[in-house]
Amino acid sequence: MTGQSESVDQVMNQVLLAEREAREAVARCRSEAAQIRVAAEEDARRIADRTEGRIKLAGHIADRAVERTLRGLQGTEPGAAAAVPEGEVRELLDRAVDGLVDEILGFG
């Protein structure tokens, strides 16, 4: 009977060891998952910051393009409206929009 008893003890020890190793593996996985989550949150914050900066830059570029266009339509004196035919106004606005798009996309 002692042979069987030792065999049962060995099997129980193996089961307990496997159980402990499994708990340790689960703890490692949880720790790694937490690290991955923190890194993903940091990446998301950086992306949001970059996006916000690009949106602000696009707004500034658009403002400058509108100002340039308005100056072109008004002439050099503040408040003095230039006598620009409607076709030329349309062409100026089209060029301004094209220029704005090029600047935003980095072509200008």
N, C-alpha and C. Protein backbone atom coordinates (compact mmCIF):
# COMPACT_ATOMS: atom_id res chain seq x y z
N MET A 1 0.80 -1.19 0.00
CA MET A 1 0.00 0.00 0.00
C MET A 1 0.85 1.26 0.00
N THR A 2 2.03 1.22 0.54
CA THR A 2 2.87 2.41 0.56
C THR A 2 3.27 2.83 -0.84
N GLY A 3 3.40 1.90 -1.77
CA GLY A 3 3.72 2.25 -3.15
C GLY A 3 2.60 3.06 -3.77
N GLN A 4 1.37 2.64 -3.53
CA GLN A 4 0.23 3.38 -4.06
C GLN A 4 0.09 4.74 -3.40
N SER A 5 0.37 4.80 -2.13
CA SER A 5 0.27 6.04 -1.37
C SER A 5 1.29 7.06 -1.89
N GLU A 6 2.51 6.59 -2.14
CA GLU A 6 3.53 7.48 -2.69
C GLU A 6 3.14 7.94 -4.09
N SER A 7 2.57 7.06 -4.86
CA SER A 7 2.13 7.39 -6.21
C SER A 7 1.03 8.45 -6.18
N VAL A 8 0.08 8.29 -5.27
CA VAL A 8 -0.99 9.27 -5.12
C VAL A 8 -0.41 10.61 -4.67
N ASP A 9 0.54 10.58 -3.74
CA ASP A 9 1.18 11.81 -3.27
C ASP A 9 1.90 12.52 -4.42
N GLN A 10 2.58 11.76 -5.27
CA GLN A 10 3.29 12.35 -6.40
C GLN A 10 2.30 13.00 -7.37
N VAL A 11 1.22 12.31 -7.63
CA VAL A 11 0.20 12.85 -8.54
C VAL A 11 -0.40 14.12 -7.94
N MET A 12 -0.70 14.11 -6.65
CA MET A 12 -1.26 15.30 -5.99
C MET A 12 -0.27 16.46 -6.05
N ASN A 13 1.01 16.16 -5.82
CA ASN A 13 2.04 17.20 -5.89
C ASN A 13 2.11 17.78 -7.31
N GLN A 14 2.01 16.93 -8.31
CA GLN A 14 2.03 17.40 -9.70
C GLN A 14 0.82 18.28 -10.00
N VAL A 15 -0.33 17.88 -9.49
CA VAL A 15 -1.55 18.68 -9.69
C VAL A 15 -1.40 20.03 -9.02
N LEU A 16 -0.91 20.03 -7.78
CA LEU A 16 -0.73 21.28 -7.05
C LEU A 16 0.29 22.19 -7.75
N LEU A 17 1.37 21.60 -8.26
CA LEU A 17 2.38 22.36 -8.99
C LEU A 17 1.77 22.96 -10.27
N ALA A 18 1.02 22.17 -10.99
CA ALA A 18 0.39 22.65 -12.22
C ALA A 18 -0.60 23.78 -11.92
N GLU A 19 -1.32 23.62 -10.82
CA GLU A 19 -2.27 24.65 -10.42
C GLU A 19 -1.55 25.95 -10.09
N ARG A 20 -0.45 25.87 -9.36
CA ARG A 20 0.33 27.05 -9.00
C ARG A 20 0.91 27.72 -10.24
N GLU A 21 1.45 26.92 -11.15
CA GLU A 21 2.00 27.46 -12.39
C GLU A 21 0.92 28.15 -13.23
N ALA A 22 -0.26 27.58 -13.23
CA ALA A 22 -1.38 28.18 -13.97
C ALA A 22 -1.76 29.53 -13.37
N ARG A 23 -1.83 29.60 -12.03
CA ARG A 23 -2.14 30.88 -11.36
C ARG A 23 -1.09 31.93 -11.69
N GLU A 24 0.19 31.53 -11.67
CA GLU A 24 1.27 32.46 -11.99
C GLU A 24 1.17 32.94 -13.44
N ALA A 25 0.82 32.02 -14.36
CA ALA A 25 0.67 32.38 -15.77
C ALA A 25 -0.48 33.37 -15.95
N VAL A 26 -1.57 33.15 -15.25
CA VAL A 26 -2.71 34.06 -15.33
C VAL A 26 -2.31 35.43 -14.79
N ALA A 27 -1.57 35.47 -13.70
CA ALA A 27 -1.13 36.74 -13.12
C ALA A 27 -0.22 37.48 -14.11
N ARG A 28 0.68 36.75 -14.78
CA ARG A 28 1.56 37.37 -15.79
C ARG A 28 0.74 37.94 -16.94
N CYS A 29 -0.25 37.18 -17.39
CA CYS A 29 -1.11 37.64 -18.49
C CYS A 29 -1.87 38.90 -18.09
N ARG A 30 -2.37 38.94 -16.87
CA ARG A 30 -3.08 40.14 -16.41
C ARG A 30 -2.16 41.34 -16.38
N SER A 31 -0.94 41.13 -15.90
CA SER A 31 0.04 42.21 -15.84
C SER A 31 0.38 42.71 -17.25
N GLU A 32 0.61 41.79 -18.17
CA GLU A 32 0.92 42.17 -19.56
C GLU A 32 -0.26 42.90 -20.18
N ALA A 33 -1.47 42.44 -19.93
CA ALA A 33 -2.66 43.08 -20.48
C ALA A 33 -2.78 44.51 -19.95
N ALA A 34 -2.49 44.71 -18.68
CA ALA A 34 -2.54 46.05 -18.09
C ALA A 34 -1.50 46.96 -18.75
N GLN A 35 -0.31 46.44 -18.99
CA GLN A 35 0.74 47.23 -19.65
C GLN A 35 0.33 47.58 -21.08
N ILE A 36 -0.26 46.64 -21.78
CA ILE A 36 -0.71 46.89 -23.15
C ILE A 36 -1.81 47.95 -23.16
N ARG A 37 -2.73 47.87 -22.20
CA ARG A 37 -3.81 48.86 -22.11
C ARG A 37 -3.25 50.26 -21.86
N VAL A 38 -2.29 50.37 -20.94
CA VAL A 38 -1.69 51.67 -20.64
C VAL A 38 -0.99 52.23 -21.88
N ALA A 39 -0.24 51.39 -22.58
CA ALA A 39 0.45 51.83 -23.80
C ALA A 39 -0.55 52.26 -24.87
N ALA A 40 -1.64 51.53 -25.01
CA ALA A 40 -2.67 51.88 -26.00
C ALA A 40 -3.33 53.21 -25.65
N GLU A 41 -3.58 53.44 -24.37
CA GLU A 41 -4.17 54.72 -23.95
C GLU A 41 -3.22 55.87 -24.24
N GLU A 42 -1.93 55.68 -24.00
CA GLU A 42 -0.94 56.71 -24.30
C GLU A 42 -0.88 56.98 -25.80
N ASP A 43 -0.91 55.92 -26.61
CA ASP A 43 -0.92 56.09 -28.07
C ASP A 43 -2.15 56.87 -28.51
N ALA A 44 -3.30 56.54 -27.94
CA ALA A 44 -4.54 57.23 -28.31
C ALA A 44 -4.46 58.70 -27.94
N ARG A 45 -3.89 59.03 -26.79
CA ARG A 45 -3.73 60.43 -26.39
C ARG A 45 -2.82 61.17 -27.35
N ARG A 46 -1.71 60.52 -27.74
CA ARG A 46 -0.79 61.16 -28.69
C ARG A 46 -1.47 61.40 -30.03
N ILE A 47 -2.23 60.44 -30.50
CA ILE A 47 -2.94 60.58 -31.77
C ILE A 47 -3.95 61.72 -31.68
N ALA A 48 -4.68 61.78 -30.58
CA ALA A 48 -5.67 62.85 -30.40
C ALA A 48 -4.99 64.21 -30.36
N ASP A 49 -3.85 64.30 -29.69
CA ASP A 49 -3.11 65.57 -29.63
C ASP A 49 -2.63 65.99 -31.01
N ARG A 50 -2.08 65.03 -31.77
CA ARG A 50 -1.62 65.34 -33.13
C ARG A 50 -2.78 65.77 -34.01
N THR A 51 -3.90 65.09 -33.88
CA THR A 51 -5.08 65.42 -34.69
C THR A 51 -5.57 66.82 -34.35
N GLU A 52 -5.63 67.13 -33.07
CA GLU A 52 -6.06 68.47 -32.66
C GLU A 52 -5.12 69.53 -33.21
N GLY A 53 -3.83 69.27 -33.17
CA GLY A 53 -2.85 70.21 -33.72
C GLY A 53 -3.04 70.40 -35.21
N ARG A 54 -3.30 69.32 -35.93
CA ARG A 54 -3.51 69.42 -37.37
C ARG A 54 -4.79 70.19 -37.69
N ILE A 55 -5.82 69.99 -36.89
CA ILE A 55 -7.07 70.71 -37.12
C ILE A 55 -6.85 72.21 -36.90
N LYS A 56 -6.11 72.55 -35.84
CA LYS A 56 -5.82 73.97 -35.59
C LYS A 56 -5.00 74.56 -36.73
N LEU A 57 -4.00 73.80 -37.20
CA LEU A 57 -3.18 74.27 -38.31
C LEU A 57 -4.03 74.49 -39.56
N ALA A 58 -4.93 73.56 -39.84
CA ALA A 58 -5.81 73.70 -41.01
C ALA A 58 -6.67 74.96 -40.87
N GLY A 59 -7.13 75.23 -39.67
CA GLY A 59 -7.92 76.45 -39.43
C GLY A 59 -7.10 77.70 -39.69
N HIS A 60 -5.85 77.72 -39.22
CA HIS A 60 -4.98 78.87 -39.45
C HIS A 60 -4.69 79.05 -40.94
N ILE A 61 -4.45 77.94 -41.62
CA ILE A 61 -4.19 78.00 -43.06
C ILE A 61 -5.42 78.54 -43.79
N ALA A 62 -6.60 78.07 -43.40
CA ALA A 62 -7.83 78.55 -44.02
C ALA A 62 -8.02 80.03 -43.76
N ASP A 63 -7.77 80.47 -42.53
CA ASP A 63 -7.90 81.90 -42.21
C ASP A 63 -6.97 82.74 -43.06
N ARG A 64 -5.72 82.29 -43.20
CA ARG A 64 -4.75 83.04 -44.02
C ARG A 64 -5.19 83.09 -45.48
N ALA A 65 -5.70 81.99 -46.01
CA ALA A 65 -6.13 81.96 -47.40
C ALA A 65 -7.31 82.90 -47.62
N VAL A 66 -8.24 82.94 -46.67
CA VAL A 66 -9.38 83.84 -46.79
C VAL A 66 -8.90 85.29 -46.73
N GLU A 67 -7.99 85.57 -45.81
CA GLU A 67 -7.46 86.94 -45.70
C GLU A 67 -6.76 87.36 -46.99
N ARG A 68 -5.94 86.47 -47.55
CA ARG A 68 -5.24 86.80 -48.81
C ARG A 68 -6.25 87.06 -49.92
N THR A 69 -7.27 86.24 -49.99
CA THR A 69 -8.28 86.40 -51.03
C THR A 69 -9.03 87.71 -50.87
N LEU A 70 -9.41 88.01 -49.62
CA LEU A 70 -10.11 89.27 -49.38
C LEU A 70 -9.24 90.47 -49.71
N ARG A 71 -7.96 90.41 -49.35
CA ARG A 71 -7.05 91.50 -49.70
C ARG A 71 -6.95 91.65 -51.21
N GLY A 72 -6.92 90.52 -51.90
CA GLY A 72 -6.85 90.58 -53.36
C GLY A 72 -8.10 91.19 -53.97
N LEU A 73 -9.25 90.91 -53.35
CA LEU A 73 -10.50 91.47 -53.87
C LEU A 73 -10.66 92.94 -53.53
N GLN A 74 -10.14 93.37 -52.38
CA GLN A 74 -10.33 94.73 -51.92
C GLN A 74 -9.25 95.69 -52.39
N GLY A 75 -8.18 95.18 -52.88
CA GLY A 75 -7.07 96.06 -53.25
C GLY A 75 -6.18 96.27 -52.04
N THR A 76 -5.27 97.18 -52.11
CA THR A 76 -4.30 97.38 -51.03
C THR A 76 -4.82 98.30 -49.94
N GLU A 77 -5.77 99.18 -50.22
CA GLU A 77 -6.27 100.09 -49.20
C GLU A 77 -7.41 99.45 -48.42
N PRO A 78 -7.34 99.53 -47.10
CA PRO A 78 -8.45 98.98 -46.31
C PRO A 78 -9.75 99.70 -46.64
N GLY A 79 -10.80 98.95 -46.84
CA GLY A 79 -12.11 99.53 -47.09
C GLY A 79 -12.34 99.92 -48.54
N ALA A 80 -11.33 99.89 -49.38
CA ALA A 80 -11.51 100.26 -50.78
C ALA A 80 -11.81 99.00 -51.58
N ALA A 81 -13.00 98.92 -52.09
CA ALA A 81 -13.40 97.75 -52.87
C ALA A 81 -12.91 97.92 -54.30
N ALA A 82 -12.26 96.90 -54.81
CA ALA A 82 -11.79 96.96 -56.18
C ALA A 82 -12.94 96.58 -57.11
N ALA A 83 -12.93 97.17 -58.26
CA ALA A 83 -13.97 96.84 -59.25
C ALA A 83 -13.51 95.60 -60.00
N VAL A 84 -13.81 94.45 -59.41
CA VAL A 84 -13.40 93.19 -60.01
C VAL A 84 -14.63 92.52 -60.61
N PRO A 85 -14.55 92.15 -61.88
CA PRO A 85 -15.69 91.47 -62.49
C PRO A 85 -16.00 90.15 -61.77
N GLU A 86 -17.28 89.75 -61.79
CA GLU A 86 -17.72 88.56 -61.07
C GLU A 86 -16.94 87.32 -61.48
N GLY A 87 -16.64 87.18 -62.76
CA GLY A 87 -15.87 86.02 -63.24
C GLY A 87 -14.50 85.95 -62.59
N GLU A 88 -13.88 87.12 -62.44
CA GLU A 88 -12.55 87.14 -61.80
C GLU A 88 -12.66 86.81 -60.31
N VAL A 89 -13.73 87.26 -59.68
CA VAL A 89 -13.95 86.94 -58.26
C VAL A 89 -14.07 85.44 -58.10
N ARG A 90 -14.86 84.82 -58.96
CA ARG A 90 -15.04 83.36 -58.92
C ARG A 90 -13.69 82.67 -59.12
N GLU A 91 -12.92 83.15 -60.08
CA GLU A 91 -11.60 82.55 -60.36
C GLU A 91 -10.66 82.72 -59.15
N LEU A 92 -10.68 83.90 -58.54
CA LEU A 92 -9.85 84.13 -57.35
C LEU A 92 -10.25 83.19 -56.22
N LEU A 93 -11.53 83.05 -56.00
CA LEU A 93 -11.99 82.16 -54.94
C LEU A 93 -11.63 80.71 -55.24
N ASP A 94 -11.78 80.28 -56.49
CA ASP A 94 -11.40 78.92 -56.86
C ASP A 94 -9.91 78.69 -56.62
N ARG A 95 -9.08 79.64 -56.99
CA ARG A 95 -7.64 79.51 -56.76
C ARG A 95 -7.33 79.48 -55.26
N ALA A 96 -8.04 80.30 -54.51
CA ALA A 96 -7.82 80.33 -53.06
C ALA A 96 -8.18 78.99 -52.44
N VAL A 97 -9.30 78.42 -52.86
CA VAL A 97 -9.71 77.12 -52.33
C VAL A 97 -8.71 76.05 -52.73
N ASP A 98 -8.28 76.06 -54.00
CA ASP A 98 -7.28 75.08 -54.45
C ASP A 98 -5.98 75.23 -53.65
N GLY A 99 -5.57 76.46 -53.44
CA GLY A 99 -4.35 76.70 -52.66
C GLY A 99 -4.49 76.23 -51.22
N LEU A 100 -5.67 76.45 -50.66
CA LEU A 100 -5.94 76.01 -49.29
C LEU A 100 -5.86 74.50 -49.20
N VAL A 101 -6.47 73.83 -50.14
CA VAL A 101 -6.44 72.37 -50.14
C VAL A 101 -4.99 71.87 -50.27
N ASP A 102 -4.24 72.49 -51.18
CA ASP A 102 -2.83 72.10 -51.35
C ASP A 102 -2.04 72.30 -50.07
N GLU A 103 -2.27 73.44 -49.39
CA GLU A 103 -1.54 73.73 -48.14
C GLU A 103 -1.90 72.72 -47.07
N ILE A 104 -3.18 72.42 -46.92
CA ILE A 104 -3.62 71.49 -45.89
C ILE A 104 -3.03 70.11 -46.15
N LEU A 105 -3.01 69.70 -47.41
CA LEU A 105 -2.49 68.38 -47.75
C LEU A 105 -0.98 68.35 -47.83
N GLY A 106 -0.34 69.50 -47.71
CA GLY A 106 1.12 69.56 -47.70
C GLY A 106 1.73 69.67 -49.08
N PHE A 107 0.95 70.06 -50.07
CA PHE A 107 1.49 70.20 -51.43
C PHE A 107 1.98 71.62 -51.69
N GLY A 108 1.55 72.56 -50.86
CA GLY A 108 1.87 73.96 -51.13
C GLY A 108 3.04 74.47 -50.35
